[in-house]
């Protein structure tokens, strides 16, 4: 019975991996998101942290929006996306996907292209003082951690490693950056480095995937998701030095990913998959789990992130 349950869960994970891990495919493959008859659209939504007042903020109808968050002062939203292409150009063998970094006002208006390397630029987030933006880019043939000024200028490769380094975010002090990496030759693991790219250290040391690290506001804990339990995706936390690993979710039928910690350090929001992807919230210790969205079939919600004052959650909603 245990082996049967394991393989069923593993098959479900494979089927949904394109949704919960947007950058696990080659960016030079044909666009498997867009070349389908369903023709999904993506926009940014906002809701209260209790799930009420779910409101559409943008009317962009992009093919893909990923990794969004607020600026530290709450006046801007930053995200990565690629706009819609015509059906003919999207669904030919020569179609080439890319993604760029955008900002918008916190109400969703005035969407503006901030940075475009011509390849995949994904997973942007601000430094705590709002002067820098860290992100991952495929511009050199593999994913690297880059930083730019808040106005989109002066790109600098921080990771400089032949293996993929991705999903970066700053520590609350701004002196360090956490990210995931394959540089140990296996699956992704959680690393931390100085904000200038020096002294990268492996924190998680797991043979199976660890991803989407988010540092608590006090700088003491890192929340992430991992497949280390029978290849099931669950939310974990650990000390900033990798010690005291703690499992926070214990799901029998939900695949959990993409956690973010609230600005007061008391809550975690994340994505749970069970037929559709929905947004969940729980206490920092895993208690008081609550589902916030309730999507019908063929609709999904991804990439939740708290507002700086902790009263709102923005997220991406995928729909027909």
C-alpha atoms as a PDB file:
ATOM      1  CA  UNK A   1       0.000   0.000   0.000  1.00  0.00           C
ATOM      2  CA  UNK A   2       2.812   2.445   0.833  1.00  0.00           C
ATOM      3  CA  UNK A   3       4.546   1.840  -2.507  1.00  0.00           C
ATOM      4  CA  UNK A   4       1.271   2.296  -4.431  1.00  0.00           C
ATOM      5  CA  UNK A   5       0.524   5.593  -2.673  1.00  0.00           C
ATOM      6  CA  UNK A   6       4.080   6.768  -3.312  1.00  0.00           C
ATOM      7  CA  UNK A   7       3.896   6.194  -7.083  1.00  0.00           C
ATOM      8  CA  UNK A   8       0.431   7.758  -7.355  1.00  0.00           C
ATOM      9  CA  UNK A   9       1.658  10.889  -5.576  1.00  0.00           C
ATOM     10  CA  UNK A  10       4.828  10.981  -7.667  1.00  0.00           C
ATOM     11  CA  UNK A  11       2.773  10.770 -10.883  1.00  0.00           C
ATOM     12  CA  UNK A  12       0.585  13.664  -9.707  1.00  0.00           C
ATOM     13  CA  UNK A  13       3.676  15.723  -8.985  1.00  0.00           C
ATOM     14  CA  UNK A  14       5.002  15.094 -12.481  1.00  0.00           C
ATOM     15  CA  UNK A  15       1.672  16.099 -14.016  1.00  0.00           C
ATOM     16  CA  UNK A  16       1.545  19.388 -12.108  1.00  0.00           C
ATOM     17  CA  UNK A  17       5.225  20.324 -12.033  1.00  0.00           C
ATOM     18  CA  UNK A  18       4.848  22.786 -14.913  1.00  0.00           C
ATOM     19  CA  UNK A  19       2.373  24.732 -12.814  1.00  0.00           C
ATOM     20  CA  UNK A  20       4.138  24.861  -9.455  1.00  0.00           C
ATOM     21  CA  UNK A  21       7.698  25.166 -10.767  1.00  0.00           C
ATOM     22  CA  UNK A  22       7.518  27.522 -13.712  1.00  0.00           C
ATOM     23  CA  UNK A  23      11.227  27.529 -14.490  1.00  0.00           C
ATOM     24  CA  UNK A  24      11.998  23.807 -14.472  1.00  0.00           C
ATOM     25  CA  UNK A  25      11.745  23.492 -18.261  1.00  0.00           C
ATOM     26  CA  UNK A  26      14.264  24.681 -20.802  1.00  0.00           C
ATOM     27  CA  UNK A  27      13.484  28.257 -21.785  1.00  0.00           C
ATOM     28  CA  UNK A  28      14.377  27.381 -25.376  1.00  0.00           C
ATOM     29  CA  UNK A  29      11.778  24.617 -25.691  1.00  0.00           C
ATOM     30  CA  UNK A  30       8.569  25.274 -27.581  1.00  0.00           C
ATOM     31  CA  UNK A  31       6.220  27.141 -25.266  1.00  0.00           C
ATOM     32  CA  UNK A  32       4.283  24.296 -23.658  1.00  0.00           C
ATOM     33  CA  UNK A  33       2.254  26.753 -21.599  1.00  0.00           C
ATOM     34  CA  UNK A  34       0.884  28.643 -24.550  1.00  0.00           C
ATOM     35  CA  UNK A  35       0.617  26.185 -27.430  1.00  0.00           C
ATOM     36  CA  UNK A  36      -2.585  24.525 -26.345  1.00  0.00           C
ATOM     37  CA  UNK A  37      -6.209  24.919 -27.432  1.00  0.00           C
ATOM     38  CA  UNK A  38      -7.343  26.090 -23.977  1.00  0.00           C
ATOM     39  CA  UNK A  39      -5.362  29.351 -24.314  1.00  0.00           C
ATOM     40  CA  UNK A  40      -5.069  30.388 -20.654  1.00  0.00           C
ATOM     41  CA  UNK A  41      -4.603  33.970 -19.500  1.00  0.00           C
ATOM     42  CA  UNK A  42      -2.905  35.337 -16.378  1.00  0.00           C
ATOM     43  CA  UNK A  43      -3.562  38.442 -14.289  1.00  0.00           C
ATOM     44  CA  UNK A  44      -2.665  39.808 -10.854  1.00  0.00           C
ATOM     45  CA  UNK A  45      -5.251  39.627  -8.086  1.00  0.00           C
ATOM     46  CA  UNK A  46      -5.365  40.840  -4.498  1.00  0.00           C
ATOM     47  CA  UNK A  47      -7.306  39.692  -1.431  1.00  0.00           C
ATOM     48  CA  UNK A  48      -7.476  40.205   2.311  1.00  0.00           C
ATOM     49  CA  UNK A  49      -5.439  37.708   4.327  1.00  0.00           C
ATOM     50  CA  UNK A  50      -8.678  35.969   5.356  1.00  0.00           C
ATOM     51  CA  UNK A  51      -9.517  35.357   1.681  1.00  0.00           C
ATOM     52  CA  UNK A  52     -12.203  38.019   1.423  1.00  0.00           C
ATOM     53  CA  UNK A  53     -12.405  40.784  -1.194  1.00  0.00           C
ATOM     54  CA  UNK A  54     -10.681  38.914  -4.019  1.00  0.00           C
ATOM     55  CA  UNK A  55     -10.082  41.656  -6.574  1.00  0.00           C
ATOM     56  CA  UNK A  56      -8.576  41.647 -10.051  1.00  0.00           C
ATOM     57  CA  UNK A  57      -5.878  44.326 -10.261  1.00  0.00           C
ATOM     58  CA  UNK A  58      -4.608  43.958 -13.830  1.00  0.00           C
ATOM     59  CA  UNK A  59      -6.232  43.366 -17.207  1.00  0.00           C
ATOM     60  CA  UNK A  60      -3.064  42.295 -18.990  1.00  0.00           C
ATOM     61  CA  UNK A  61      -4.139  38.775 -20.005  1.00  0.00           C
ATOM     62  CA  UNK A  62      -0.484  37.759 -20.285  1.00  0.00           C
ATOM     63  CA  UNK A  63       0.521  34.245 -21.297  1.00  0.00           C
ATOM     64  CA  UNK A  64       2.441  33.890 -18.046  1.00  0.00           C
ATOM     65  CA  UNK A  65       2.984  35.983 -14.907  1.00  0.00           C
ATOM     66  CA  UNK A  66       5.301  34.633 -12.229  1.00  0.00           C
ATOM     67  CA  UNK A  67       6.986  35.555  -8.944  1.00  0.00           C
ATOM     68  CA  UNK A  68       5.328  38.777  -7.894  1.00  0.00           C
ATOM     69  CA  UNK A  69       5.851  40.818  -4.725  1.00  0.00           C
ATOM     70  CA  UNK A  70       5.468  44.334  -3.347  1.00  0.00           C
ATOM     71  CA  UNK A  71       8.117  46.993  -3.047  1.00  0.00           C
ATOM     72  CA  UNK A  72       9.170  47.627   0.585  1.00  0.00           C
ATOM     73  CA  UNK A  73       7.037  50.779   0.796  1.00  0.00           C
ATOM     74  CA  UNK A  74       4.024  49.024  -0.706  1.00  0.00           C
ATOM     75  CA  UNK A  75       3.604  51.432  -3.607  1.00  0.00           C
ATOM     76  CA  UNK A  76       4.754  49.057  -6.373  1.00  0.00           C
ATOM     77  CA  UNK A  77       4.287  45.475  -7.484  1.00  0.00           C
ATOM     78  CA  UNK A  78       7.176  43.779  -9.245  1.00  0.00           C
ATOM     79  CA  UNK A  79       6.753  40.625 -11.313  1.00  0.00           C
ATOM     80  CA  UNK A  80       8.077  38.669 -14.270  1.00  0.00           C
ATOM     81  CA  UNK A  81       5.954  37.989 -17.345  1.00  0.00           C
ATOM     82  CA  UNK A  82       5.825  37.482 -21.037  1.00  0.00           C
ATOM     83  CA  UNK A  83       2.981  39.176 -22.949  1.00  0.00           C
ATOM     84  CA  UNK A  84       0.617  37.441 -25.303  1.00  0.00           C
ATOM     85  CA  UNK A  85       1.746  36.494 -28.779  1.00  0.00           C
ATOM     86  CA  UNK A  86      -0.342  35.643 -31.800  1.00  0.00           C
ATOM     87  CA  UNK A  87      -1.353  32.008 -32.048  1.00  0.00           C
ATOM     88  CA  UNK A  88       0.703  31.520 -35.218  1.00  0.00           C
ATOM     89  CA  UNK A  89       3.939  32.852 -33.702  1.00  0.00           C
ATOM     90  CA  UNK A  90       3.450  31.044 -30.391  1.00  0.00           C
ATOM     91  CA  UNK A  91       2.738  27.594 -31.772  1.00  0.00           C
ATOM     92  CA  UNK A  92       5.453  27.019 -34.347  1.00  0.00           C
ATOM     93  CA  UNK A  93       8.565  24.944 -33.856  1.00  0.00           C
ATOM     94  CA  UNK A  94      10.636  28.106 -33.996  1.00  0.00           C
ATOM     95  CA  UNK A  95       8.687  29.775 -31.180  1.00  0.00           C
ATOM     96  CA  UNK A  96      11.061  30.960 -28.449  1.00  0.00           C
ATOM     97  CA  UNK A  97       9.859  31.873 -25.005  1.00  0.00           C
ATOM     98  CA  UNK A  98      11.256  34.687 -22.916  1.00  0.00           C
ATOM     99  CA  UNK A  99      10.265  36.616 -19.827  1.00  0.00           C
ATOM    100  CA  UNK A 100      10.927  40.148 -18.658  1.00  0.00           C
ATOM    101  CA  UNK A 101      10.672  42.097 -15.405  1.00  0.00           C
ATOM    102  CA  UNK A 102       7.815  44.570 -14.953  1.00  0.00           C
ATOM    103  CA  UNK A 103       6.548  46.918 -12.277  1.00  0.00           C
ATOM    104  CA  UNK A 104       3.055  48.277 -11.682  1.00  0.00           C
ATOM    105  CA  UNK A 105       1.444  50.532  -9.132  1.00  0.00           C
ATOM    106  CA  UNK A 106       0.071  48.659  -6.124  1.00  0.00           C
ATOM    107  CA  UNK A 107      -3.450  49.048  -7.579  1.00  0.00           C
ATOM    108  CA  UNK A 108      -2.321  47.258 -10.761  1.00  0.00           C
ATOM    109  CA  UNK A 109      -2.176  50.336 -12.976  1.00  0.00           C
ATOM    110  CA  UNK A 110       0.758  51.661 -15.016  1.00  0.00           C
ATOM    111  CA  UNK A 111       2.426  48.356 -15.851  1.00  0.00           C
ATOM    112  CA  UNK A 112       5.939  49.199 -17.072  1.00  0.00           C
ATOM    113  CA  UNK A 113       8.737  47.114 -18.556  1.00  0.00           C
ATOM    114  CA  UNK A 114      11.717  47.484 -16.211  1.00  0.00           C
ATOM    115  CA  UNK A 115      14.324  45.030 -17.513  1.00  0.00           C
ATOM    116  CA  UNK A 116      14.640  42.701 -20.505  1.00  0.00           C
ATOM    117  CA  UNK A 117      17.831  40.813 -21.340  1.00  0.00           C
ATOM    118  CA  UNK A 118      16.203  39.163 -24.349  1.00  0.00           C
ATOM    119  CA  UNK A 119      15.962  35.831 -22.554  1.00  0.00           C
ATOM    120  CA  UNK A 120      14.366  34.531 -19.354  1.00  0.00           C
ATOM    121  CA  UNK A 121      14.441  37.155 -16.567  1.00  0.00           C
ATOM    122  CA  UNK A 122      12.379  35.772 -13.704  1.00  0.00           C
ATOM    123  CA  UNK A 123      11.724  35.892  -9.947  1.00  0.00           C
ATOM    124  CA  UNK A 124      12.405  39.562  -9.107  1.00  0.00           C
ATOM    125  CA  UNK A 125      12.276  40.925  -5.572  1.00  0.00           C
ATOM    126  CA  UNK A 126      13.395  44.183  -3.959  1.00  0.00           C
ATOM    127  CA  UNK A 127      16.146  44.680  -1.435  1.00  0.00           C
ATOM    128  CA  UNK A 128      14.851  45.791   1.985  1.00  0.00           C
ATOM    129  CA  UNK A 129      15.820  49.418   1.306  1.00  0.00           C
ATOM    130  CA  UNK A 130      14.195  49.340  -2.145  1.00  0.00           C
ATOM    131  CA  UNK A 131      17.334  50.381  -4.034  1.00  0.00           C
ATOM    132  CA  UNK A 132      18.135  47.019  -5.652  1.00  0.00           C
ATOM    133  CA  UNK A 133      16.264  44.177  -7.343  1.00  0.00           C
ATOM    134  CA  UNK A 134      17.561  40.627  -7.331  1.00  0.00           C
ATOM    135  CA  UNK A 135      16.326  38.101  -9.911  1.00  0.00           C
ATOM    136  CA  UNK A 136      17.390  35.118 -11.989  1.00  0.00           C
ATOM    137  CA  UNK A 137      18.298  35.288 -15.659  1.00  0.00           C
ATOM    138  CA  UNK A 138      19.100  32.799 -18.433  1.00  0.00           C
ATOM    139  CA  UNK A 139      20.969  35.365 -20.509  1.00  0.00           C
ATOM    140  CA  UNK A 140      24.282  33.442 -20.338  1.00  0.00           C
ATOM    141  CA  UNK A 141      22.884  29.999 -21.160  1.00  0.00           C
ATOM    142  CA  UNK A 142      22.032  28.928 -17.615  1.00  0.00           C
ATOM    143  CA  UNK A 143      20.137  30.489 -14.749  1.00  0.00           C
ATOM    144  CA  UNK A 144      22.251  32.903 -12.692  1.00  0.00           C
ATOM    145  CA  UNK A 145      21.412  35.281  -9.847  1.00  0.00           C
ATOM    146  CA  UNK A 146      21.561  38.900 -11.013  1.00  0.00           C
ATOM    147  CA  UNK A 147      21.028  42.257  -9.362  1.00  0.00           C
ATOM    148  CA  UNK A 148      19.958  45.555 -10.930  1.00  0.00           C
ATOM    149  CA  UNK A 149      19.297  49.013  -9.589  1.00  0.00           C
ATOM    150  CA  UNK A 150      15.645  49.780  -8.814  1.00  0.00           C
ATOM    151  CA  UNK A 151      15.362  51.707 -12.091  1.00  0.00           C
ATOM    152  CA  UNK A 152      16.380  48.588 -14.074  1.00  0.00           C
ATOM    153  CA  UNK A 153      19.966  49.623 -14.845  1.00  0.00           C
ATOM    154  CA  UNK A 154      23.397  48.160 -14.066  1.00  0.00           C
ATOM    155  CA  UNK A 155      22.822  44.370 -14.248  1.00  0.00           C
ATOM    156  CA  UNK A 156      25.471  42.366 -12.368  1.00  0.00           C
ATOM    157  CA  UNK A 157      25.861  38.575 -12.316  1.00  0.00           C
ATOM    158  CA  UNK A 158      26.236  37.641  -8.635  1.00  0.00           C
ATOM    159  CA  UNK A 159      26.397  33.844  -8.770  1.00  0.00           C
ATOM    160  CA  UNK A 160      28.739  33.199 -11.735  1.00  0.00           C
ATOM    161  CA  UNK A 161      28.432  29.417 -11.714  1.00  0.00           C
ATOM    162  CA  UNK A 162      27.889  26.922 -14.564  1.00  0.00           C
ATOM    163  CA  UNK A 163      25.039  25.223 -12.671  1.00  0.00           C
ATOM    164  CA  UNK A 164      21.601  26.795 -12.382  1.00  0.00           C
ATOM    165  CA  UNK A 165      21.145  29.313  -9.533  1.00  0.00           C
ATOM    166  CA  UNK A 166      17.611  30.645  -9.150  1.00  0.00           C
ATOM    167  CA  UNK A 167      14.743  31.978  -6.990  1.00  0.00           C
ATOM    168  CA  UNK A 168      16.813  34.569  -5.074  1.00  0.00           C
ATOM    169  CA  UNK A 169      15.557  36.858  -2.326  1.00  0.00           C
ATOM    170  CA  UNK A 170      17.193  39.142   0.225  1.00  0.00           C
ATOM    171  CA  UNK A 171      17.546  38.628   3.932  1.00  0.00           C
ATOM    172  CA  UNK A 172      15.859  41.372   6.035  1.00  0.00           C
ATOM    173  CA  UNK A 173      19.213  43.061   6.623  1.00  0.00           C
ATOM    174  CA  UNK A 174      19.945  43.151   2.891  1.00  0.00           C
ATOM    175  CA  UNK A 175      23.415  41.749   3.563  1.00  0.00           C
ATOM    176  CA  UNK A 176      22.661  38.232   2.293  1.00  0.00           C
ATOM    177  CA  UNK A 177      20.697  36.525  -0.476  1.00  0.00           C
ATOM    178  CA  UNK A 178      19.076  33.099  -0.284  1.00  0.00           C
ATOM    179  CA  UNK A 179      18.561  31.096  -3.474  1.00  0.00           C
ATOM    180  CA  UNK A 180      18.280  27.561  -4.797  1.00  0.00           C
ATOM    181  CA  UNK A 181      21.077  25.911  -6.761  1.00  0.00           C
ATOM    182  CA  UNK A 182      22.122  22.722  -8.521  1.00  0.00           C
ATOM    183  CA  UNK A 183      25.824  23.447  -8.037  1.00  0.00           C
ATOM    184  CA  UNK A 184      26.372  20.314  -5.941  1.00  0.00           C
ATOM    185  CA  UNK A 185      25.561  18.224  -8.992  1.00  0.00           C
ATOM    186  CA  UNK A 186      22.215  16.864  -7.780  1.00  0.00           C
ATOM    187  CA  UNK A 187      18.775  18.347  -7.334  1.00  0.00           C
ATOM    188  CA  UNK A 188      18.155  21.912  -6.131  1.00  0.00           C
ATOM    189  CA  UNK A 189      19.285  22.859  -2.617  1.00  0.00           C
ATOM    190  CA  UNK A 190      18.955  26.053  -0.579  1.00  0.00           C
ATOM    191  CA  UNK A 191      22.047  28.288  -0.477  1.00  0.00           C
ATOM    192  CA  UNK A 192      22.898  31.604   1.113  1.00  0.00           C
ATOM    193  CA  UNK A 193      25.541  34.101  -0.013  1.00  0.00           C
ATOM    194  CA  UNK A 194      26.612  37.642   0.700  1.00  0.00           C
ATOM    195  CA  UNK A 195      24.712  40.286  -1.254  1.00  0.00           C
ATOM    196  CA  UNK A 196      27.785  40.846  -3.450  1.00  0.00           C
ATOM    197  CA  UNK A 197      27.760  37.157  -4.447  1.00  0.00           C
ATOM    198  CA  UNK A 198      30.648  36.027  -2.253  1.00  0.00           C
ATOM    199  CA  UNK A 199      30.744  33.098   0.183  1.00  0.00           C
ATOM    200  CA  UNK A 200      27.906  30.843  -1.099  1.00  0.00           C
ATOM    201  CA  UNK A 201      27.001  28.166   1.475  1.00  0.00           C
ATOM    202  CA  UNK A 202      24.770  25.099   1.074  1.00  0.00           C
ATOM    203  CA  UNK A 203      22.187  25.126   3.879  1.00  0.00           C
ATOM    204  CA  UNK A 204      19.830  22.242   3.123  1.00  0.00           C
ATOM    205  CA  UNK A 205      22.046  19.305   1.996  1.00  0.00           C
ATOM    206  CA  UNK A 206      19.146  17.271   0.624  1.00  0.00           C
ATOM    207  CA  UNK A 207      19.268  14.681  -2.191  1.00  0.00           C
ATOM    208  CA  UNK A 208      15.799  15.811  -3.301  1.00  0.00           C
ATOM    209  CA  UNK A 209      14.490  19.182  -4.422  1.00  0.00           C
ATOM    210  CA  UNK A 210      14.454  22.161  -2.004  1.00  0.00           C
ATOM    211  CA  UNK A 211      13.108  25.401  -3.472  1.00  0.00           C
ATOM    212  CA  UNK A 212      11.588  28.892  -3.041  1.00  0.00           C
ATOM    213  CA  UNK A 213      13.404  30.079   0.104  1.00  0.00           C
ATOM    214  CA  UNK A 214      11.830  32.962   2.047  1.00  0.00           C
ATOM    215  CA  UNK A 215      13.579  34.482   5.087  1.00  0.00           C
ATOM    216  CA  UNK A 216      11.564  35.449   8.160  1.00  0.00           C
ATOM    217  CA  UNK A 217      11.548  39.185   9.073  1.00  0.00           C
ATOM    218  CA  UNK A 218      13.758  38.618  12.118  1.00  0.00           C
ATOM    219  CA  UNK A 219      16.347  36.951   9.880  1.00  0.00           C
ATOM    220  CA  UNK A 220      16.454  33.788  11.962  1.00  0.00           C
ATOM    221  CA  UNK A 221      14.498  31.262   9.863  1.00  0.00           C
ATOM    222  CA  UNK A 222      14.133  30.254   6.208  1.00  0.00           C
ATOM    223  CA  UNK A 223      10.857  28.835   4.920  1.00  0.00           C
ATOM    224  CA  UNK A 224      10.916  26.718   1.743  1.00  0.00           C
ATOM    225  CA  UNK A 225       9.277  23.732   0.094  1.00  0.00           C
ATOM    226  CA  UNK A 226      10.892  20.346  -0.347  1.00  0.00           C
ATOM    227  CA  UNK A 227      10.339  16.919  -1.889  1.00  0.00           C
ATOM    228  CA  UNK A 228      12.486  15.191   0.734  1.00  0.00           C
ATOM    229  CA  UNK A 229       9.583  13.240   2.318  1.00  0.00           C
ATOM    230  CA  UNK A 230       8.842  10.334  -0.068  1.00  0.00           C
ATOM    231  CA  UNK A 231       9.039  12.847  -2.927  1.00  0.00           C
ATOM    232  CA  UNK A 232       6.025  14.705  -1.539  1.00  0.00           C
ATOM    233  CA  UNK A 233       6.133  18.490  -1.744  1.00  0.00           C
ATOM    234  CA  UNK A 234       5.731  19.970   1.754  1.00  0.00           C
ATOM    235  CA  UNK A 235       6.562  23.274   3.472  1.00  0.00           C
ATOM    236  CA  UNK A 236       9.580  23.294   5.814  1.00  0.00           C
ATOM    237  CA  UNK A 237      11.551  25.822   7.829  1.00  0.00           C
ATOM    238  CA  UNK A 238      15.094  25.864   9.146  1.00  0.00           C
ATOM    239  CA  UNK A 239      17.462  28.211  10.949  1.00  0.00           C
ATOM    240  CA  UNK A 240      19.373  30.707   8.834  1.00  0.00           C
ATOM    241  CA  UNK A 241      22.439  28.443   9.192  1.00  0.00           C
ATOM    242  CA  UNK A 242      20.523  25.332   8.059  1.00  0.00           C
ATOM    243  CA  UNK A 243      20.001  23.831  11.531  1.00  0.00           C
ATOM    244  CA  UNK A 244      16.742  22.784  13.218  1.00  0.00           C
ATOM    245  CA  UNK A 245      14.830  21.588  10.163  1.00  0.00           C
ATOM    246  CA  UNK A 246      11.070  21.605  10.861  1.00  0.00           C
ATOM    247  CA  UNK A 247       8.279  20.186   8.717  1.00  0.00           C
ATOM    248  CA  UNK A 248       5.267  22.541   8.716  1.00  0.00           C
ATOM    249  CA  UNK A 249       2.691  20.836   6.468  1.00  0.00           C
ATOM    250  CA  UNK A 250       1.495  17.234   6.614  1.00  0.00           C
ATOM    251  CA  UNK A 251      -0.731  16.862   3.575  1.00  0.00           C
ATOM    252  CA  UNK A 252      -2.237  13.599   2.420  1.00  0.00           C
ATOM    253  CA  UNK A 253      -3.514  14.855  -0.916  1.00  0.00           C
ATOM    254  CA  UNK A 254      -2.196  18.398  -1.456  1.00  0.00           C
ATOM    255  CA  UNK A 255       1.088  19.314  -3.163  1.00  0.00           C
ATOM    256  CA  UNK A 256       2.465  22.402  -1.382  1.00  0.00           C
ATOM    257  CA  UNK A 257       4.909  24.962  -2.792  1.00  0.00           C
ATOM    258  CA  UNK A 258       5.972  28.612  -3.149  1.00  0.00           C
ATOM    259  CA  UNK A 259       5.804  29.794   0.494  1.00  0.00           C
ATOM    260  CA  UNK A 260       6.170  33.417   1.595  1.00  0.00           C
ATOM    261  CA  UNK A 261       6.448  34.776   5.153  1.00  0.00           C
ATOM    262  CA  UNK A 262       4.384  37.762   6.314  1.00  0.00           C
ATOM    263  CA  UNK A 263       6.079  41.021   7.304  1.00  0.00           C
ATOM    264  CA  UNK A 264       5.326  40.443  11.007  1.00  0.00           C
ATOM    265  CA  UNK A 265       6.691  36.891  10.836  1.00  0.00           C
ATOM    266  CA  UNK A 266       3.467  35.325  12.113  1.00  0.00           C
ATOM    267  CA  UNK A 267       1.995  33.845   8.910  1.00  0.00           C
ATOM    268  CA  UNK A 268       3.000  31.850   5.841  1.00  0.00           C
ATOM    269  CA  UNK A 269       1.086  31.872   2.572  1.00  0.00           C
ATOM    270  CA  UNK A 270       1.706  29.211  -0.068  1.00  0.00           C
ATOM    271  CA  UNK A 271       0.221  27.290  -3.006  1.00  0.00           C
ATOM    272  CA  UNK A 272      -1.503  23.942  -2.533  1.00  0.00           C
ATOM    273  CA  UNK A 273      -2.447  21.690  -5.442  1.00  0.00           C
ATOM    274  CA  UNK A 274      -5.437  19.343  -5.313  1.00  0.00           C
ATOM    275  CA  UNK A 275      -7.061  19.193  -8.769  1.00  0.00           C
ATOM    276  CA  UNK A 276      -6.462  22.953  -9.000  1.00  0.00           C
ATOM    277  CA  UNK A 277      -3.867  25.266  -7.464  1.00  0.00           C
ATOM    278  CA  UNK A 278      -5.149  27.400  -4.586  1.00  0.00           C
ATOM    279  CA  UNK A 279      -3.705  29.866  -2.072  1.00  0.00           C
ATOM    280  CA  UNK A 280      -3.435  28.826   1.573  1.00  0.00           C
ATOM    281  CA  UNK A 281      -2.380  30.560   4.790  1.00  0.00           C
ATOM    282  CA  UNK A 282      -1.170  29.195   8.127  1.00  0.00           C
ATOM    283  CA  UNK A 283       0.654  30.274  11.266  1.00  0.00           C
ATOM    284  CA  UNK A 284       4.450  30.355  11.130  1.00  0.00           C
ATOM    285  CA  UNK A 285       4.537  27.064  13.078  1.00  0.00           C
ATOM    286  CA  UNK A 286       2.115  25.341  10.670  1.00  0.00           C
ATOM    287  CA  UNK A 287      -1.008  25.670  12.823  1.00  0.00           C
ATOM    288  CA  UNK A 288      -4.395  27.097  11.770  1.00  0.00           C
ATOM    289  CA  UNK A 289      -4.184  26.092   8.116  1.00  0.00           C
ATOM    290  CA  UNK A 290      -6.815  27.782   5.942  1.00  0.00           C
ATOM    291  CA  UNK A 291      -7.576  27.650   2.222  1.00  0.00           C
ATOM    292  CA  UNK A 292      -8.145  31.166   0.865  1.00  0.00           C
ATOM    293  CA  UNK A 293      -9.125  30.589  -2.783  1.00  0.00           C
ATOM    294  CA  UNK A 294     -11.470  27.961  -4.137  1.00  0.00           C
ATOM    295  CA  UNK A 295     -10.849  27.682  -7.860  1.00  0.00           C
ATOM    296  CA  UNK A 296     -13.047  25.733 -10.243  1.00  0.00           C
ATOM    297  CA  UNK A 297     -11.469  23.303 -12.674  1.00  0.00           C
ATOM    298  CA  UNK A 298      -9.195  24.897 -15.294  1.00  0.00           C
ATOM    299  CA  UNK A 299      -8.436  27.874 -13.028  1.00  0.00           C
ATOM    300  CA  UNK A 300      -5.393  28.194 -10.784  1.00  0.00           C
ATOM    301  CA  UNK A 301      -3.822  30.640  -8.324  1.00  0.00           C
ATOM    302  CA  UNK A 302      -0.049  30.940  -7.850  1.00  0.00           C
ATOM    303  CA  UNK A 303       2.795  33.014  -6.399  1.00  0.00           C
ATOM    304  CA  UNK A 304       1.167  34.559  -3.313  1.00  0.00           C
ATOM    305  CA  UNK A 305       2.971  37.360  -1.500  1.00  0.00           C
ATOM    306  CA  UNK A 306       2.052  39.513   1.516  1.00  0.00           C
ATOM    307  CA  UNK A 307       1.751  43.281   1.438  1.00  0.00           C
ATOM    308  CA  UNK A 308       4.276  45.111   3.659  1.00  0.00           C
ATOM    309  CA  UNK A 309       1.565  45.911   6.229  1.00  0.00           C
ATOM    310  CA  UNK A 310       0.455  42.268   6.284  1.00  0.00           C
ATOM    311  CA  UNK A 311      -3.203  42.970   5.469  1.00  0.00           C
ATOM    312  CA  UNK A 312      -3.248  41.846   1.813  1.00  0.00           C
ATOM    313  CA  UNK A 313      -2.007  39.011  -0.374  1.00  0.00           C
ATOM    314  CA  UNK A 314      -1.320  39.460  -4.071  1.00  0.00           C
ATOM    315  CA  UNK A 315      -1.246  36.459  -6.357  1.00  0.00           C
ATOM    316  CA  UNK A 316      -1.432  35.348  -9.985  1.00  0.00           C
ATOM    317  CA  UNK A 317      -4.735  33.961 -11.225  1.00  0.00           C
ATOM    318  CA  UNK A 318      -4.769  31.750 -14.323  1.00  0.00           C
ATOM    319  CA  UNK A 319      -8.041  31.468 -16.211  1.00  0.00           C
ATOM    320  CA  UNK A 320      -9.540  30.904 -19.635  1.00  0.00           C
END
